[in-house]
Protein backbone atom coordinates (compact mmCIF):
# COMPACT_ATOMS: atom_id res chain seq x y z
CA MET A 1 -21.03 77.95 51.80
CA VAL A 2 -22.85 77.32 55.03
CA ALA A 3 -22.12 73.58 55.23
CA GLN A 4 -18.35 74.18 54.84
CA ARG A 5 -18.32 76.79 57.55
CA LEU A 6 -20.24 74.48 59.94
CA PHE A 7 -17.87 71.56 59.11
CA ALA A 8 -14.84 73.86 59.67
CA GLU A 9 -16.11 74.98 63.01
CA ARG A 10 -17.40 71.64 64.33
CA GLY A 11 -16.05 68.87 62.13
CA VAL A 12 -18.05 66.71 59.76
CA ASP A 13 -19.23 64.43 62.58
CA GLY A 14 -20.44 67.46 64.61
CA VAL A 15 -22.92 68.63 61.98
CA THR A 16 -26.18 67.01 60.95
CA VAL A 17 -27.81 67.41 57.54
CA ARG A 18 -30.83 69.00 59.39
CA GLU A 19 -28.49 71.65 60.88
CA ILE A 20 -27.00 72.39 57.51
CA ALA A 21 -30.44 72.98 55.99
CA GLU A 22 -31.67 75.14 58.77
CA ALA A 23 -28.56 77.21 58.78
CA ALA A 24 -28.91 77.76 54.93
CA GLY A 25 -32.56 78.78 55.47
CA GLN A 26 -33.95 75.65 53.80
CA LYS A 27 -37.30 74.38 54.99
CA ASN A 28 -36.85 71.16 53.19
CA HIS A 29 -34.34 69.13 55.05
CA ALA A 30 -34.03 66.68 52.21
CA ALA A 31 -32.44 69.29 49.97
CA VAL A 32 -28.92 68.15 50.80
CA GLY A 33 -29.92 64.62 49.85
CA TYR A 34 -31.50 65.95 46.67
CA HIS A 35 -28.49 67.91 45.44
CA PHE A 36 -25.66 65.74 46.75
CA GLY A 37 -27.10 62.20 47.46
CA CYS A 38 -26.05 62.25 51.07
CA LYS A 39 -23.81 64.10 53.58
CA GLU A 40 -20.62 62.38 52.26
CA GLY A 41 -21.55 63.62 48.82
CA LEU A 42 -21.72 67.09 50.07
CA ILE A 43 -18.36 66.82 51.78
CA ARG A 44 -16.86 65.22 48.75
CA GLU A 45 -18.12 68.06 46.51
CA LEU A 46 -16.70 70.67 48.95
CA VAL A 47 -13.31 69.04 49.03
CA ILE A 48 -13.10 68.73 45.17
CA ASP A 49 -14.36 72.28 44.55
CA GLY A 50 -11.78 73.84 46.82
CA ALA A 51 -8.90 71.60 45.84
CA ALA A 52 -9.53 72.16 42.15
CA LEU A 53 -9.56 75.95 42.74
CA ILE A 54 -6.33 75.88 44.63
CA ASP A 55 -4.75 73.52 42.09
CA ALA A 56 -5.75 75.75 39.21
CA ARG A 57 -4.19 78.87 41.06
CA ARG A 58 -0.85 76.87 41.62
CA ASN A 59 -0.49 75.69 38.14
CA GLU A 60 -1.24 79.15 36.78
CA TRP A 61 1.33 80.67 39.01
CA LEU A 62 3.93 78.04 38.19
CA ASP A 63 3.24 78.43 34.50
CA ARG A 64 3.96 82.19 34.81
CA LEU A 65 7.13 81.69 36.93
CA GLU A 66 8.54 79.03 34.66
CA GLY A 67 7.68 81.01 31.58
CA GLU A 68 9.82 83.98 32.93
CA GLY A 69 12.80 81.70 32.89
CA GLY A 70 15.55 81.80 35.51
CA GLN A 71 16.00 79.66 38.57
CA LEU A 72 13.05 79.54 41.02
CA THR A 73 13.91 79.90 44.74
CA VAL A 74 12.55 77.94 47.67
CA ARG A 75 11.14 81.08 49.08
CA GLU A 76 9.20 81.88 45.71
CA LEU A 77 7.80 78.30 45.84
CA VAL A 78 6.85 78.45 49.53
CA ASP A 79 5.13 81.87 48.93
CA LEU A 80 3.18 80.35 46.01
CA LEU A 81 2.01 77.56 48.24
CA ILE A 82 0.78 80.02 50.97
CA GLN A 83 -0.77 82.59 48.65
CA THR A 84 -2.66 80.06 46.55
CA ALA A 85 -4.18 78.49 49.64
CA LEU A 86 -5.57 81.67 51.02
CA GLY A 87 -9.32 81.94 50.77
CA ALA A 88 -11.14 84.73 48.91
CA PRO A 89 -13.54 86.37 51.50
CA GLY A 90 -17.20 86.16 50.68
CA ARG A 91 -16.82 83.18 48.27
CA GLY A 92 -16.88 80.43 50.95
CA GLU A 93 -13.05 79.96 50.69
CA GLU A 94 -12.32 81.59 54.05
CA THR A 95 -13.15 78.35 55.84
CA PHE A 96 -11.62 75.80 53.42
CA ASN A 97 -8.30 75.39 55.21
CA ARG A 98 -9.99 74.65 58.58
CA PHE A 99 -12.39 72.36 56.90
CA VAL A 100 -9.72 70.20 55.09
CA VAL A 101 -7.36 70.08 58.05
CA MET A 102 -10.16 68.99 60.25
CA LEU A 103 -11.35 66.39 57.71
CA GLY A 104 -7.82 65.16 57.08
CA MET A 105 -7.37 64.60 60.91
CA THR A 106 -10.65 62.84 61.47
CA HIS A 107 -11.36 61.08 58.19
CA ARG A 108 -7.99 60.73 56.54
CA ARG A 109 -8.93 57.76 54.25
CA PHE A 110 -12.08 59.46 53.00
CA PHE A 111 -10.19 62.61 52.43
CA GLU A 112 -7.45 60.89 50.33
CA GLU A 113 -9.99 58.82 48.38
CA THR A 114 -11.92 61.94 47.54
CA LEU A 115 -8.77 63.64 46.21
CA GLY A 116 -7.86 60.42 44.45
CA GLY A 117 -4.46 61.64 43.44
CA ARG A 118 -6.21 64.47 41.39
CA TRP A 119 -6.44 68.18 42.28
CA ASN A 120 -2.75 68.38 43.50
CA SER A 121 -0.73 68.65 40.27
CA GLY A 122 0.37 72.15 41.15
CA TYR A 123 1.55 71.10 44.55
CA LEU A 124 3.51 68.12 43.07
CA ARG A 125 5.13 70.36 40.57
CA CYS A 126 6.28 72.65 43.44
CA LEU A 127 7.66 69.64 45.22
CA ASP A 128 9.63 68.68 42.13
CA HIS A 129 11.29 72.18 42.04
CA LEU A 130 11.96 72.06 45.78
CA ARG A 131 13.66 68.62 45.64
CA ARG A 132 16.12 70.14 43.23
CA LEU A 133 16.62 73.31 45.29
CA MET A 134 17.00 71.69 48.78
CA PRO A 135 20.40 70.76 50.17
CA ASP A 136 21.92 67.50 49.42
CA MET A 137 20.14 64.88 51.69
CA PRO A 138 18.47 61.56 51.20
CA LEU A 139 15.16 61.64 49.31
CA ALA A 140 13.48 60.08 52.32
CA VAL A 141 14.58 63.08 54.45
CA LYS A 142 13.25 65.53 51.78
CA ASN A 143 9.90 63.80 51.73
CA GLN A 144 9.78 63.88 55.55
CA ARG A 145 10.31 67.64 55.34
CA PHE A 146 7.46 67.90 52.82
CA VAL A 147 5.11 66.12 55.31
CA PHE A 148 6.17 68.72 57.90
CA LEU A 149 5.77 71.56 55.42
CA LEU A 150 2.18 70.47 54.53
CA ALA A 151 1.26 70.14 58.26
CA LEU A 152 2.78 73.52 59.03
CA LEU A 153 1.04 75.19 56.05
CA GLY A 154 -2.37 73.82 56.82
CA GLY A 155 -2.19 74.17 60.53
CA VAL A 156 -1.14 77.80 60.44
CA LEU A 157 -3.59 78.75 57.73
CA ALA A 158 -6.47 76.88 59.54
CA GLY A 159 -5.52 78.74 62.73
CA ARG A 160 -5.40 82.05 60.97
CA GLU A 161 -8.88 81.51 59.43
CA ALA A 162 -10.31 80.53 62.82
CA GLU A 163 -8.93 83.65 64.46
CA LEU A 164 -9.95 86.06 61.62
CA ALA A 165 -13.46 84.55 61.70
CA ASP A 166 -13.89 86.30 65.00
CA ALA A 167 -14.63 89.79 63.85
CA GLY A 168 -15.49 90.91 67.47
CA ARG A 169 -11.94 91.64 68.42
CA PRO A 170 -8.70 92.90 66.85
CA HIS A 171 -6.12 90.34 65.76
CA LEU A 172 -2.73 91.86 66.32
CA THR A 173 -0.76 88.73 65.16
CA TRP A 174 -3.12 87.25 62.50
CA GLY A 175 -4.28 90.55 61.03
CA SER A 176 -0.72 91.80 60.54
CA THR A 177 0.47 91.82 56.92
CA GLU A 178 3.87 90.37 58.20
CA VAL A 179 2.46 87.17 59.50
CA LEU A 180 2.44 85.43 56.09
CA ASP A 181 5.90 86.60 55.41
CA ASN A 182 7.09 85.09 58.70
CA LEU A 183 5.29 81.85 57.78
CA GLY A 184 7.08 81.86 54.45
CA GLU A 185 10.50 82.41 56.10
CA SER A 186 9.69 79.65 58.62
CA MET A 187 8.74 77.13 55.82
CA ALA A 188 11.78 78.05 53.62
CA ALA A 189 14.11 77.46 56.66
CA LEU A 190 12.45 74.10 57.35
CA LEU A 191 13.26 72.97 53.82
CA GLU A 192 16.64 74.59 53.54
CA ALA A 193 18.12 73.59 56.92
CA PRO A 194 21.19 71.24 56.49
CA HIS A 195 20.64 67.69 57.26
CA ALA A 196 22.52 66.29 60.25
CA ARG A 197 23.89 63.05 59.06
CA ARG A 198 24.09 60.42 61.70
């Protein structure tokens, strides 16, 4: 979607409704208001649509893994988080990580209110598994590592999206098939590192 791409590139405060309408080829600049009520309504709809899609993917993947039986690993769960957050090119998803990372940094309260504790059940299920698999450490330390994990995941995938959006040059790092494996190894190491007790 044009609006999401513009928000991802310039932030929600850097884009006007008029610019969205023009970029979408709409002669009527009131179209955004007609369909979404206001700019905030459009942003809210974009967040919910993308989050719901990712949540459905995560739950489906978890259902399959849990249905196969056996003990899940930290690496399997980390790969699940990565792969389900990747956008499908041509469906407007290739800008979603940049959009939500930018929105979360500049309008955290709005972003959290929009999610409203919904659309993240798959993520929470992953965290439940990870808590059991991580080394023995205080719950507060595990929760801090989850904050770091989410920041790493969002930041790296947003950076990857931004680089891959520039089709005018080769992307030796981001275009590599190994980059997501390396991200998975790094995220797993973050979670599995022993806790230095003080």
